[in-house]
Each structure stands twice: as structure tokens, then as C-alpha cells.
PDB file of N, CA and C in Angstrom:
ATOM      1  N   UNK A   1       0.255  -4.885 -10.002  1.00  0.00           N
ATOM      2  CA  UNK A   1      -0.791  -4.507 -10.930  1.00  0.00           C
ATOM      3  C   UNK A   1      -2.124  -5.070 -10.455  1.00  0.00           C
ATOM      4  N   UNK A   2      -3.183  -4.339 -10.732  1.00  0.00           N
ATOM      5  CA  UNK A   2      -4.534  -4.775 -10.379  1.00  0.00           C
ATOM      6  C   UNK A   2      -4.813  -6.145 -10.988  1.00  0.00           C
ATOM      7  N   UNK A   3      -5.391  -7.023 -10.192  1.00  0.00           N
ATOM      8  CA  UNK A   3      -5.809  -8.335 -10.673  1.00  0.00           C
ATOM      9  C   UNK A   3      -7.323  -8.349 -10.785  1.00  0.00           C
ATOM     10  N   UNK A   4      -7.841  -9.088 -11.749  1.00  0.00           N
ATOM     11  CA  UNK A   4      -9.284  -9.232 -11.922  1.00  0.00           C
ATOM     12  C   UNK A   4      -9.674 -10.675 -11.656  1.00  0.00           C
ATOM     13  N   UNK A   5     -10.745 -10.863 -10.902  1.00  0.00           N
ATOM     14  CA  UNK A   5     -11.277 -12.209 -10.767  1.00  0.00           C
ATOM     15  C   UNK A   5     -12.029 -12.550 -12.057  1.00  0.00           C
ATOM     16  N   UNK A   6     -12.244 -13.825 -12.284  1.00  0.00           N
ATOM     17  CA  UNK A   6     -12.978 -14.230 -13.490  1.00  0.00           C
ATOM     18  C   UNK A   6     -14.390 -13.636 -13.524  1.00  0.00           C
ATOM     19  N   UNK A   7     -15.139 -13.645 -12.391  1.00  0.00           N
ATOM     20  CA  UNK A   7     -16.464 -13.016 -12.428  1.00  0.00           C
ATOM     21  C   UNK A   7     -16.398 -11.515 -12.746  1.00  0.00           C
ATOM     22  N   UNK A   8     -15.371 -10.822 -12.254  1.00  0.00           N
ATOM     23  CA  UNK A   8     -15.240  -9.398 -12.544  1.00  0.00           C
ATOM     24  C   UNK A   8     -14.960  -9.174 -14.022  1.00  0.00           C
ATOM     25  N   UNK A   9     -14.085  -9.982 -14.597  1.00  0.00           N
ATOM     26  CA  UNK A   9     -13.771  -9.856 -16.022  1.00  0.00           C
ATOM     27  C   UNK A   9     -15.022 -10.107 -16.866  1.00  0.00           C
ATOM     28  N   UNK A  10     -15.800 -11.109 -16.495  1.00  0.00           N
ATOM     29  CA  UNK A  10     -17.032 -11.405 -17.227  1.00  0.00           C
ATOM     30  C   UNK A  10     -18.027 -10.256 -17.109  1.00  0.00           C
ATOM     31  N   UNK A  11     -18.148  -9.680 -15.916  1.00  0.00           N
ATOM     32  CA  UNK A  11     -19.075  -8.570 -15.708  1.00  0.00           C
ATOM     33  C   UNK A  11     -18.640  -7.343 -16.509  1.00  0.00           C
ATOM     34  N   UNK A  12     -17.338  -7.067 -16.528  1.00  0.00           N
ATOM     35  CA  UNK A  12     -16.827  -5.924 -17.291  1.00  0.00           C
ATOM     36  C   UNK A  12     -17.101  -6.125 -18.775  1.00  0.00           C
ATOM     37  N   UNK A  13     -16.841  -7.321 -19.280  1.00  0.00           N
ATOM     38  CA  UNK A  13     -17.115  -7.612 -20.689  1.00  0.00           C
ATOM     39  C   UNK A  13     -18.593  -7.411 -21.009  1.00  0.00           C
ATOM     40  N   UNK A  14     -19.462  -7.922 -20.148  1.00  0.00           N
ATOM     41  CA  UNK A  14     -20.902  -7.794 -20.379  1.00  0.00           C
ATOM     42  C   UNK A  14     -21.336  -6.330 -20.337  1.00  0.00           C
ATOM     43  N   UNK A  15     -20.826  -5.573 -19.361  1.00  0.00           N
ATOM     44  CA  UNK A  15     -21.175  -4.158 -19.252  1.00  0.00           C
ATOM     45  C   UNK A  15     -20.734  -3.370 -20.472  1.00  0.00           C
ATOM     46  N   UNK A  16     -19.498  -3.558 -20.869  1.00  0.00           N
ATOM     47  CA  UNK A  16     -18.964  -2.759 -21.973  1.00  0.00           C
ATOM     48  C   UNK A  16     -19.586  -3.172 -23.298  1.00  0.00           C
ATOM     49  N   UNK A  17     -19.875  -4.446 -23.484  1.00  0.00           N
ATOM     50  CA  UNK A  17     -20.499  -4.880 -24.731  1.00  0.00           C
ATOM     51  C   UNK A  17     -21.928  -4.373 -24.835  1.00  0.00           C
ATOM     52  N   UNK A  18     -22.639  -4.305 -23.719  1.00  0.00           N
ATOM     53  CA  UNK A  18     -24.021  -3.828 -23.762  1.00  0.00           C
ATOM     54  C   UNK A  18     -24.077  -2.321 -23.996  1.00  0.00           C
ATOM     55  N   UNK A  19     -23.010  -1.607 -23.710  1.00  0.00           N
ATOM     56  CA  UNK A  19     -22.969  -0.161 -23.883  1.00  0.00           C
ATOM     57  C   UNK A  19     -22.465   0.260 -25.263  1.00  0.00           C
ATOM     58  N   UNK A  20     -21.972  -0.682 -26.044  1.00  0.00           N
ATOM     59  CA  UNK A  20     -21.363  -0.351 -27.322  1.00  0.00           C
ATOM     60  C   UNK A  20     -22.247  -0.787 -28.476  1.00  0.00           C
ATOM     61  N   UNK A  21     -22.112  -0.058 -29.579  1.00  0.00           N
ATOM     62  CA  UNK A  21     -22.673  -0.579 -30.813  1.00  0.00           C
ATOM     63  C   UNK A  21     -21.505  -1.082 -31.652  1.00  0.00           C
ATOM     64  N   UNK A  22     -21.779  -1.543 -32.826  1.00  0.00           N
ATOM     65  CA  UNK A  22     -20.738  -2.171 -33.631  1.00  0.00           C
ATOM     66  C   UNK A  22     -19.614  -1.216 -33.994  1.00  0.00           C
ATOM     67  N   UNK A  23     -19.870   0.085 -33.988  1.00  0.00           N
ATOM     68  CA  UNK A  23     -18.844   1.044 -34.376  1.00  0.00           C
ATOM     69  C   UNK A  23     -17.991   1.495 -33.199  1.00  0.00           C
ATOM     70  N   UNK A  24     -18.348   1.122 -31.997  1.00  0.00           N
ATOM     71  CA  UNK A  24     -17.602   1.543 -30.812  1.00  0.00           C
ATOM     72  C   UNK A  24     -16.952   0.333 -30.159  1.00  0.00           C
ATOM     73  N   UNK A  25     -15.906  -0.159 -30.733  1.00  0.00           N
ATOM     74  CA  UNK A  25     -15.174  -1.276 -30.147  1.00  0.00           C
ATOM     75  C   UNK A  25     -14.076  -0.731 -29.242  1.00  0.00           C
ATOM     76  N   UNK A  26     -13.687  -1.498 -28.255  1.00  0.00           N
ATOM     77  CA  UNK A  26     -12.566  -1.103 -27.420  1.00  0.00           C
ATOM     78  C   UNK A  26     -12.933  -0.373 -26.149  1.00  0.00           C
ATOM     79  N   UNK A  27     -14.193  -0.392 -25.764  1.00  0.00           N
ATOM     80  CA  UNK A  27     -14.593   0.252 -24.525  1.00  0.00           C
ATOM     81  C   UNK A  27     -14.147  -0.563 -23.322  1.00  0.00           C
ATOM     82  N   UNK A  28     -14.285   0.036 -22.147  1.00  0.00           N
ATOM     83  CA  UNK A  28     -13.890  -0.659 -20.931  1.00  0.00           C
ATOM     84  C   UNK A  28     -14.469   0.002 -19.704  1.00  0.00           C
ATOM     85  N   UNK A  29     -14.067  -0.502 -18.563  1.00  0.00           N
ATOM     86  CA  UNK A  29     -14.474   0.050 -17.273  1.00  0.00           C
ATOM     87  C   UNK A  29     -13.373   0.989 -16.819  1.00  0.00           C
ATOM     88  N   UNK A  30     -13.713   2.258 -16.552  1.00  0.00           N
ATOM     89  CA  UNK A  30     -12.710   3.243 -16.132  1.00  0.00           C
ATOM     90  C   UNK A  30     -12.784   3.432 -14.624  1.00  0.00           C
ATOM     91  N   UNK A  31     -11.622   3.314 -13.984  1.00  0.00           N
ATOM     92  CA  UNK A  31     -11.499   3.500 -12.544  1.00  0.00           C
ATOM     93  C   UNK A  31     -10.728   4.789 -12.296  1.00  0.00           C
ATOM     94  N   UNK A  32     -11.251   5.613 -11.414  1.00  0.00           N
ATOM     95  CA  UNK A  32     -10.585   6.871 -11.091  1.00  0.00           C
ATOM     96  C   UNK A  32     -10.771   7.177  -9.618  1.00  0.00           C
ATOM     97  N   UNK A  33      -9.818   7.901  -9.050  1.00  0.00           N
ATOM     98  CA  UNK A  33      -9.939   8.376  -7.671  1.00  0.00           C
ATOM     99  C   UNK A  33     -10.407   9.819  -7.706  1.00  0.00           C
ATOM    100  N   UNK A  34     -11.363  10.137  -6.869  1.00  0.00           N
ATOM    101  CA  UNK A  34     -11.832  11.505  -6.746  1.00  0.00           C
ATOM    102  C   UNK A  34     -11.671  11.933  -5.297  1.00  0.00           C
ATOM    103  N   UNK A  35     -11.597  13.229  -5.080  1.00  0.00           N
ATOM    104  CA  UNK A  35     -11.470  13.762  -3.730  1.00  0.00           C
ATOM    105  C   UNK A  35     -10.030  13.994  -3.342  1.00  0.00           C
ATOM    106  N   UNK A  36      -9.855  14.415  -2.111  1.00  0.00           N
ATOM    107  CA  UNK A  36      -8.533  14.712  -1.575  1.00  0.00           C
ATOM    108  C   UNK A  36      -8.022  13.529  -0.759  1.00  0.00           C
ATOM    109  N   UNK A  37      -6.768  13.596  -0.335  1.00  0.00           N
ATOM    110  CA  UNK A  37      -6.092  12.453   0.289  1.00  0.00           C
ATOM    111  C   UNK A  37      -6.822  11.899   1.504  1.00  0.00           C
ATOM    112  N   UNK A  38      -7.515  12.730   2.257  1.00  0.00           N
ATOM    113  CA  UNK A  38      -8.214  12.232   3.448  1.00  0.00           C
ATOM    114  C   UNK A  38      -9.647  11.799   3.141  1.00  0.00           C
ATOM    115  N   UNK A  39     -10.090  11.985   1.891  1.00  0.00           N
ATOM    116  CA  UNK A  39     -11.464  11.632   1.521  1.00  0.00           C
ATOM    117  C   UNK A  39     -11.514  11.124   0.081  1.00  0.00           C
ATOM    118  N   UNK A  40     -10.678  10.118  -0.212  1.00  0.00           N
ATOM    119  CA  UNK A  40     -10.627   9.575  -1.567  1.00  0.00           C
ATOM    120  C   UNK A  40     -11.774   8.604  -1.810  1.00  0.00           C
ATOM    121  N   UNK A  41     -12.322   8.647  -3.003  1.00  0.00           N
ATOM    122  CA  UNK A  41     -13.355   7.706  -3.402  1.00  0.00           C
ATOM    123  C   UNK A  41     -12.982   7.137  -4.759  1.00  0.00           C
ATOM    124  N   UNK A  42     -13.186   5.845  -4.915  1.00  0.00           N
ATOM    125  CA  UNK A  42     -12.936   5.171  -6.183  1.00  0.00           C
ATOM    126  C   UNK A  42     -14.229   5.195  -6.980  1.00  0.00           C
ATOM    127  N   UNK A  43     -14.159   5.719  -8.200  1.00  0.00           N
ATOM    128  CA  UNK A  43     -15.333   5.751  -9.055  1.00  0.00           C
ATOM    129  C   UNK A  43     -15.139   4.786 -10.218  1.00  0.00           C
ATOM    130  N   UNK A  44     -16.217   4.165 -10.641  1.00  0.00           N
ATOM    131  CA  UNK A  44     -16.206   3.235 -11.764  1.00  0.00           C
ATOM    132  C   UNK A  44     -17.229   3.718 -12.777  1.00  0.00           C
ATOM    133  N   UNK A  45     -16.849   3.709 -14.044  1.00  0.00           N
ATOM    134  CA  UNK A  45     -17.755   4.126 -15.100  1.00  0.00           C
ATOM    135  C   UNK A  45     -17.407   3.390 -16.382  1.00  0.00           C
ATOM    136  N   UNK A  46     -18.418   3.065 -17.158  1.00  0.00           N
ATOM    137  CA  UNK A  46     -18.178   2.476 -18.467  1.00  0.00           C
ATOM    138  C   UNK A  46     -17.723   3.597 -19.389  1.00  0.00           C
ATOM    139  N   UNK A  47     -16.645   3.345 -20.118  1.00  0.00           N
ATOM    140  CA  UNK A  47     -16.058   4.357 -20.996  1.00  0.00           C
ATOM    141  C   UNK A  47     -15.797   3.747 -22.366  1.00  0.00           C
ATOM    142  N   UNK A  48     -15.986   4.544 -23.409  1.00  0.00           N
ATOM    143  CA  UNK A  48     -15.762   4.033 -24.765  1.00  0.00           C
ATOM    144  C   UNK A  48     -14.288   3.953 -25.108  1.00  0.00           C
ATOM    145  N   UNK A  49     -13.461   4.731 -24.386  1.00  0.00           N
ATOM    146  CA  UNK A  49     -12.020   4.705 -24.632  1.00  0.00           C
ATOM    147  C   UNK A  49     -11.287   5.266 -23.421  1.00  0.00           C
ATOM    148  N   UNK A  50      -9.994   4.932 -23.284  1.00  0.00           N
ATOM    149  CA  UNK A  50      -9.232   5.485 -22.152  1.00  0.00           C
ATOM    150  C   UNK A  50      -8.996   6.977 -22.345  1.00  0.00           C
ATOM    151  N   UNK A  51      -8.843   7.683 -21.241  1.00  0.00           N
ATOM    152  CA  UNK A  51      -8.491   9.094 -21.301  1.00  0.00           C
ATOM    153  C   UNK A  51      -6.976   9.214 -21.343  1.00  0.00           C
ATOM    154  N   UNK A  52      -6.491  10.371 -21.710  1.00  0.00           N
ATOM    155  CA  UNK A  52      -5.053  10.609 -21.786  1.00  0.00           C
ATOM    156  C   UNK A  52      -4.406  10.326 -20.434  1.00  0.00           C
ATOM    157  N   UNK A  53      -3.359   9.533 -20.423  1.00  0.00           N
ATOM    158  CA  UNK A  53      -2.647   9.208 -19.188  1.00  0.00           C
ATOM    159  C   UNK A  53      -3.158   7.978 -18.477  1.00  0.00           C
ATOM    160  N   UNK A  54      -4.261   7.406 -18.933  1.00  0.00           N
ATOM    161  CA  UNK A  54      -4.800   6.202 -18.298  1.00  0.00           C
ATOM    162  C   UNK A  54      -3.903   5.001 -18.567  1.00  0.00           C
ATOM    163  N   UNK A  55      -3.792   4.119 -17.576  1.00  0.00           N
ATOM    164  CA  UNK A  55      -3.175   2.817 -17.794  1.00  0.00           C
ATOM    165  C   UNK A  55      -4.282   1.890 -18.287  1.00  0.00           C
ATOM    166  N   UNK A  56      -3.968   1.071 -19.264  1.00  0.00           N
ATOM    167  CA  UNK A  56      -4.954   0.174 -19.857  1.00  0.00           C
ATOM    168  C   UNK A  56      -4.516  -1.263 -19.621  1.00  0.00           C
ATOM    169  N   UNK A  57      -5.433  -2.070 -19.125  1.00  0.00           N
ATOM    170  CA  UNK A  57      -5.152  -3.493 -19.004  1.00  0.00           C
ATOM    171  C   UNK A  57      -6.325  -4.250 -19.598  1.00  0.00           C
ATOM    172  N   UNK A  58      -6.035  -5.436 -20.090  1.00  0.00           N
ATOM    173  CA  UNK A  58      -7.078  -6.239 -20.688  1.00  0.00           C
ATOM    174  C   UNK A  58      -6.882  -7.704 -20.356  1.00  0.00           C
ATOM    175  N   UNK A  59      -7.919  -8.474 -20.570  1.00  0.00           N
ATOM    176  CA  UNK A  59      -7.857  -9.909 -20.344  1.00  0.00           C
ATOM    177  C   UNK A  59      -7.998 -10.629 -21.676  1.00  0.00           C
ATOM    178  N   UNK A  60      -7.710 -11.895 -21.668  1.00  0.00           N
ATOM    179  CA  UNK A  60      -7.852 -12.704 -22.874  1.00  0.00           C
ATOM    180  C   UNK A  60      -9.297 -12.737 -23.353  1.00  0.00           C
ATOM    181  N   UNK A  61     -10.238 -12.591 -22.427  1.00  0.00           N
ATOM    182  CA  UNK A  61     -11.659 -12.623 -22.771  1.00  0.00           C
ATOM    183  C   UNK A  61     -12.175 -11.302 -23.315  1.00  0.00           C
ATOM    184  N   UNK A  62     -11.327 -10.286 -23.352  1.00  0.00           N
ATOM    185  CA  UNK A  62     -11.731  -9.010 -23.930  1.00  0.00           C
ATOM    186  C   UNK A  62     -12.156  -7.950 -22.933  1.00  0.00           C
ATOM    187  N   UNK A  63     -12.123  -8.251 -21.641  1.00  0.00           N
ATOM    188  CA  UNK A  63     -12.455  -7.227 -20.648  1.00  0.00           C
ATOM    189  C   UNK A  63     -11.320  -6.206 -20.601  1.00  0.00           C
ATOM    190  N   UNK A  64     -11.672  -4.935 -20.641  1.00  0.00           N
ATOM    191  CA  UNK A  64     -10.657  -3.888 -20.586  1.00  0.00           C
ATOM    192  C   UNK A  64     -10.939  -2.964 -19.405  1.00  0.00           C
ATOM    193  N   UNK A  65      -9.864  -2.568 -18.729  1.00  0.00           N
ATOM    194  CA  UNK A  65      -9.954  -1.660 -17.591  1.00  0.00           C
ATOM    195  C   UNK A  65      -9.024  -0.494 -17.865  1.00  0.00           C
ATOM    196  N   UNK A  66      -9.550   0.717 -17.702  1.00  0.00           N
ATOM    197  CA  UNK A  66      -8.771   1.942 -17.834  1.00  0.00           C
ATOM    198  C   UNK A  66      -8.623   2.530 -16.439  1.00  0.00           C
ATOM    199  N   UNK A  67      -7.389   2.838 -16.036  1.00  0.00           N
ATOM    200  CA  UNK A  67      -7.154   3.384 -14.699  1.00  0.00           C
ATOM    201  C   UNK A  67      -6.423   4.716 -14.794  1.00  0.00           C
ATOM    202  N   UNK A  68      -7.027   5.757 -14.227  1.00  0.00           N
ATOM    203  CA  UNK A  68      -6.296   7.022 -14.178  1.00  0.00           C
ATOM    204  C   UNK A  68      -5.102   6.825 -13.259  1.00  0.00           C
ATOM    205  N   UNK A  69      -4.101   7.665 -13.377  1.00  0.00           N
ATOM    206  CA  UNK A  69      -2.803   7.407 -12.734  1.00  0.00           C
ATOM    207  C   UNK A  69      -2.903   7.223 -11.220  1.00  0.00           C
ATOM    208  N   UNK A  70      -3.699   8.052 -10.527  1.00  0.00           N
ATOM    209  CA  UNK A  70      -3.811   7.887  -9.070  1.00  0.00           C
ATOM    210  C   UNK A  70      -4.506   6.578  -8.725  1.00  0.00           C
ATOM    211  N   UNK A  71      -5.510   6.216  -9.499  1.00  0.00           N
ATOM    212  CA  UNK A  71      -6.220   4.957  -9.251  1.00  0.00           C
ATOM    213  C   UNK A  71      -5.306   3.769  -9.506  1.00  0.00           C
ATOM    214  N   UNK A  72      -4.501   3.841 -10.561  1.00  0.00           N
ATOM    215  CA  UNK A  72      -3.579   2.740 -10.871  1.00  0.00           C
ATOM    216  C   UNK A  72      -2.596   2.525  -9.730  1.00  0.00           C
ATOM    217  N   UNK A  73      -2.102   3.606  -9.158  1.00  0.00           N
ATOM    218  CA  UNK A  73      -1.171   3.496  -8.031  1.00  0.00           C
ATOM    219  C   UNK A  73      -1.869   2.889  -6.812  1.00  0.00           C
ATOM    220  N   UNK A  74      -3.076   3.361  -6.520  1.00  0.00           N
ATOM    221  CA  UNK A  74      -3.845   2.857  -5.385  1.00  0.00           C
ATOM    222  C   UNK A  74      -4.193   1.376  -5.554  1.00  0.00           C
ATOM    223  N   UNK A  75      -4.508   0.959  -6.778  1.00  0.00           N
ATOM    224  CA  UNK A  75      -4.977  -0.394  -7.042  1.00  0.00           C
ATOM    225  C   UNK A  75      -3.865  -1.380  -7.366  1.00  0.00           C
ATOM    226  N   UNK A  76      -2.624  -0.943  -7.298  1.00  0.00           N
ATOM    227  CA  UNK A  76      -1.493  -1.754  -7.729  1.00  0.00           C
ATOM    228  C   UNK A  76      -1.446  -3.128  -7.067  1.00  0.00           C
ATOM    229  N   UNK A  77      -1.811  -3.227  -5.789  1.00  0.00           N
ATOM    230  CA  UNK A  77      -1.740  -4.503  -5.062  1.00  0.00           C
ATOM    231  C   UNK A  77      -3.129  -5.016  -4.693  1.00  0.00           C
ATOM    232  N   UNK A  78      -4.135  -4.670  -5.525  1.00  0.00           N
ATOM    233  CA  UNK A  78      -5.522  -5.013  -5.215  1.00  0.00           C
ATOM    234  C   UNK A  78      -6.094  -5.990  -6.234  1.00  0.00           C
ATOM    235  N   UNK A  79      -7.248  -6.561  -5.857  1.00  0.00           N
ATOM    236  CA  UNK A  79      -8.018  -7.456  -6.717  1.00  0.00           C
ATOM    237  C   UNK A  79      -9.397  -6.830  -6.900  1.00  0.00           C
ATOM    238  N   UNK A  80      -9.869  -6.781  -8.138  1.00  0.00           N
ATOM    239  CA  UNK A  80     -11.222  -6.314  -8.427  1.00  0.00           C
ATOM    240  C   UNK A  80     -12.106  -7.539  -8.591  1.00  0.00           C
ATOM    241  N   UNK A  81     -13.162  -7.600  -7.797  1.00  0.00           N
ATOM    242  CA  UNK A  81     -14.079  -8.732  -7.810  1.00  0.00           C
ATOM    243  C   UNK A  81     -15.489  -8.196  -8.019  1.00  0.00           C
ATOM    244  N   UNK A  82     -16.414  -9.080  -8.304  1.00  0.00           N
ATOM    245  CA  UNK A  82     -17.814  -8.701  -8.425  1.00  0.00           C
ATOM    246  C   UNK A  82     -18.645  -9.743  -7.696  1.00  0.00           C
ATOM    247  N   UNK A  83     -19.671  -9.271  -7.028  1.00  0.00           N
ATOM    248  CA  UNK A  83     -20.565 -10.166  -6.291  1.00  0.00           C
ATOM    249  C   UNK A  83     -21.992  -9.754  -6.586  1.00  0.00           C
ATOM    250  N   UNK A  84     -22.891 -10.721  -6.538  1.00  0.00           N
ATOM    251  CA  UNK A  84     -24.292 -10.463  -6.795  1.00  0.00           C
ATOM    252  C   UNK A  84     -25.024 -10.367  -5.462  1.00  0.00           C
ATOM    253  N   UNK A  85     -25.842  -9.316  -5.302  1.00  0.00           N
ATOM    254  CA  UNK A  85     -26.592  -9.182  -4.055  1.00  0.00           C
ATOM    255  C   UNK A  85     -27.915  -9.938  -4.156  1.00  0.00           C
ATOM    256  N   UNK A  86     -28.732  -9.842  -3.107  1.00  0.00           N
ATOM    257  CA  UNK A  86     -29.984 -10.594  -3.042  1.00  0.00           C
ATOM    258  C   UNK A  86     -30.974 -10.210  -4.131  1.00  0.00           C
ATOM    259  N   UNK A  87     -30.866  -8.985  -4.647  1.00  0.00           N
ATOM    260  CA  UNK A  87     -31.756  -8.525  -5.707  1.00  0.00           C
ATOM    261  C   UNK A  87     -31.203  -8.839  -7.102  1.00  0.00           C
ATOM    262  N   UNK A  88     -30.039  -9.472  -7.160  1.00  0.00           N
ATOM    263  CA  UNK A  88     -29.448  -9.824  -8.432  1.00  0.00           C
ATOM    264  C   UNK A  88     -28.578  -8.741  -9.039  1.00  0.00           C
ATOM    265  N   UNK A  89     -28.362  -7.663  -8.303  1.00  0.00           N
ATOM    266  CA  UNK A  89     -27.513  -6.575  -8.781  1.00  0.00           C
ATOM    267  C   UNK A  89     -26.047  -6.937  -8.588  1.00  0.00           C
ATOM    268  N   UNK A  90     -25.209  -6.547  -9.538  1.00  0.00           N
ATOM    269  CA  UNK A  90     -23.785  -6.786  -9.423  1.00  0.00           C
ATOM    270  C   UNK A  90     -23.119  -5.628  -8.696  1.00  0.00           C
ATOM    271  N   UNK A  91     -22.248  -5.954  -7.768  1.00  0.00           N
ATOM    272  CA  UNK A  91     -21.512  -4.950  -7.009  1.00  0.00           C
ATOM    273  C   UNK A  91     -20.028  -5.262  -7.108  1.00  0.00           C
ATOM    274  N   UNK A  92     -19.264  -4.264  -7.557  1.00  0.00           N
ATOM    275  CA  UNK A  92     -17.814  -4.445  -7.624  1.00  0.00           C
ATOM    276  C   UNK A  92     -17.222  -4.211  -6.244  1.00  0.00           C
ATOM    277  N   UNK A  93     -16.167  -4.967  -5.925  1.00  0.00           N
ATOM    278  CA  UNK A  93     -15.474  -4.837  -4.645  1.00  0.00           C
ATOM    279  C   UNK A  93     -13.980  -4.908  -4.899  1.00  0.00           C
ATOM    280  N   UNK A  94     -13.231  -4.192  -4.079  1.00  0.00           N
ATOM    281  CA  UNK A  94     -11.773  -4.177  -4.188  1.00  0.00           C
ATOM    282  C   UNK A  94     -11.202  -4.765  -2.906  1.00  0.00           C
ATOM    283  N   UNK A  95     -10.286  -5.712  -3.073  1.00  0.00           N
ATOM    284  CA  UNK A  95      -9.641  -6.368  -1.939  1.00  0.00           C
ATOM    285  C   UNK A  95      -8.128  -6.267  -2.096  1.00  0.00           C
ATOM    286  N   UNK A  96      -7.413  -6.369  -0.962  1.00  0.00           N
ATOM    287  CA  UNK A  96      -5.963  -6.544  -1.028  1.00  0.00           C
ATOM    288  C   UNK A  96      -5.720  -7.929  -1.626  1.00  0.00           C
ATOM    289  N   UNK A  97      -4.687  -8.068  -2.449  1.00  0.00           N
ATOM    290  CA  UNK A  97      -4.448  -9.343  -3.127  1.00  0.00           C
ATOM    291  C   UNK A  97      -4.265 -10.499  -2.143  1.00  0.00           C
ATOM    292  N   UNK A  98      -3.564 -10.294  -1.041  1.00  0.00           N
ATOM    293  CA  UNK A  98      -3.382 -11.398  -0.101  1.00  0.00           C
ATOM    294  C   UNK A  98      -4.678 -11.772   0.591  1.00  0.00           C
ATOM    295  N   UNK A  99      -5.594 -10.807   0.817  1.00  0.00           N
ATOM    296  CA  UNK A  99      -6.885 -11.102   1.420  1.00  0.00           C
ATOM    297  C   UNK A  99      -7.700 -12.009   0.520  1.00  0.00           C
ATOM    298  N   UNK A 100      -7.731 -11.711  -0.774  1.00  0.00           N
ATOM    299  CA  UNK A 100      -8.518 -12.485  -1.719  1.00  0.00           C
ATOM    300  C   UNK A 100      -8.034 -13.926  -1.798  1.00  0.00           C
ATOM    301  N   UNK A 101      -6.724 -14.151  -1.767  1.00  0.00           N
ATOM    302  CA  UNK A 101      -6.203 -15.505  -1.912  1.00  0.00           C
ATOM    303  C   UNK A 101      -6.530 -16.373  -0.696  1.00  0.00           C
ATOM    304  N   UNK A 102      -6.773 -15.753   0.459  1.00  0.00           N
ATOM    305  CA  UNK A 102      -7.128 -16.521   1.655  1.00  0.00           C
ATOM    306  C   UNK A 102      -8.597 -16.925   1.636  1.00  0.00           C
ATOM    307  N   UNK A 103      -9.444 -16.111   1.000  1.00  0.00           N
ATOM    308  CA  UNK A 103     -10.877 -16.358   1.061  1.00  0.00           C
ATOM    309  C   UNK A 103     -11.372 -16.995  -0.150  1.00  0.00           C
TER     310      UNK A 103
END
């Protein structure tokens, strides 16, 4: 199953909370694969709720991730992390779980 680093969970919580008003609880970050097998791209979007067939995972801190079925399969052995660039922008990154534990 996809693992989240603590910074990624915090970023997801902040993103989803800033996109919601008090009546829209339960939003999350939706991950989906687009394209064909030789040109797959992972897309990330803030979503107010999971779509039909999405796998839903959450953290104790309230970060929620919705994964469409192909994305869930692709991300099964991955870690979702977030890093800040020189301009202060947050960038999500996906690593193999064993790669992340070494670094």
C-alpha cells in the first residue's frame, strides 16, 4: 500500500482544508493514472470526495488520499513525499519504498 511521509500528509491536510468550507468535510488528494501503458502519467488533484471505485486511505492527522484503481496498483509499493523548492512551492514526489528508507 502507498505510504505517506509526514511532510506529505501535512501538505495534503493543508491543501484539502484550504479547499473546503465547513459543509465540505472529507476531501482529499486524488491520484489517477492517465494515458496508455507506454505513456502513463500520474495526476494529482484536490477532490471533495472519492470517485466510484477509488481506494481511500487516511492518516491519523486527517490527510485523505483517493486512488483510482490503476493508480492504486501502480503506487502499491511507493512512498508519496513532498519537498519545497527554492521558490517555496511544494512538489509531490513518488519513490519506491526501499529507495526512501535508504535516503
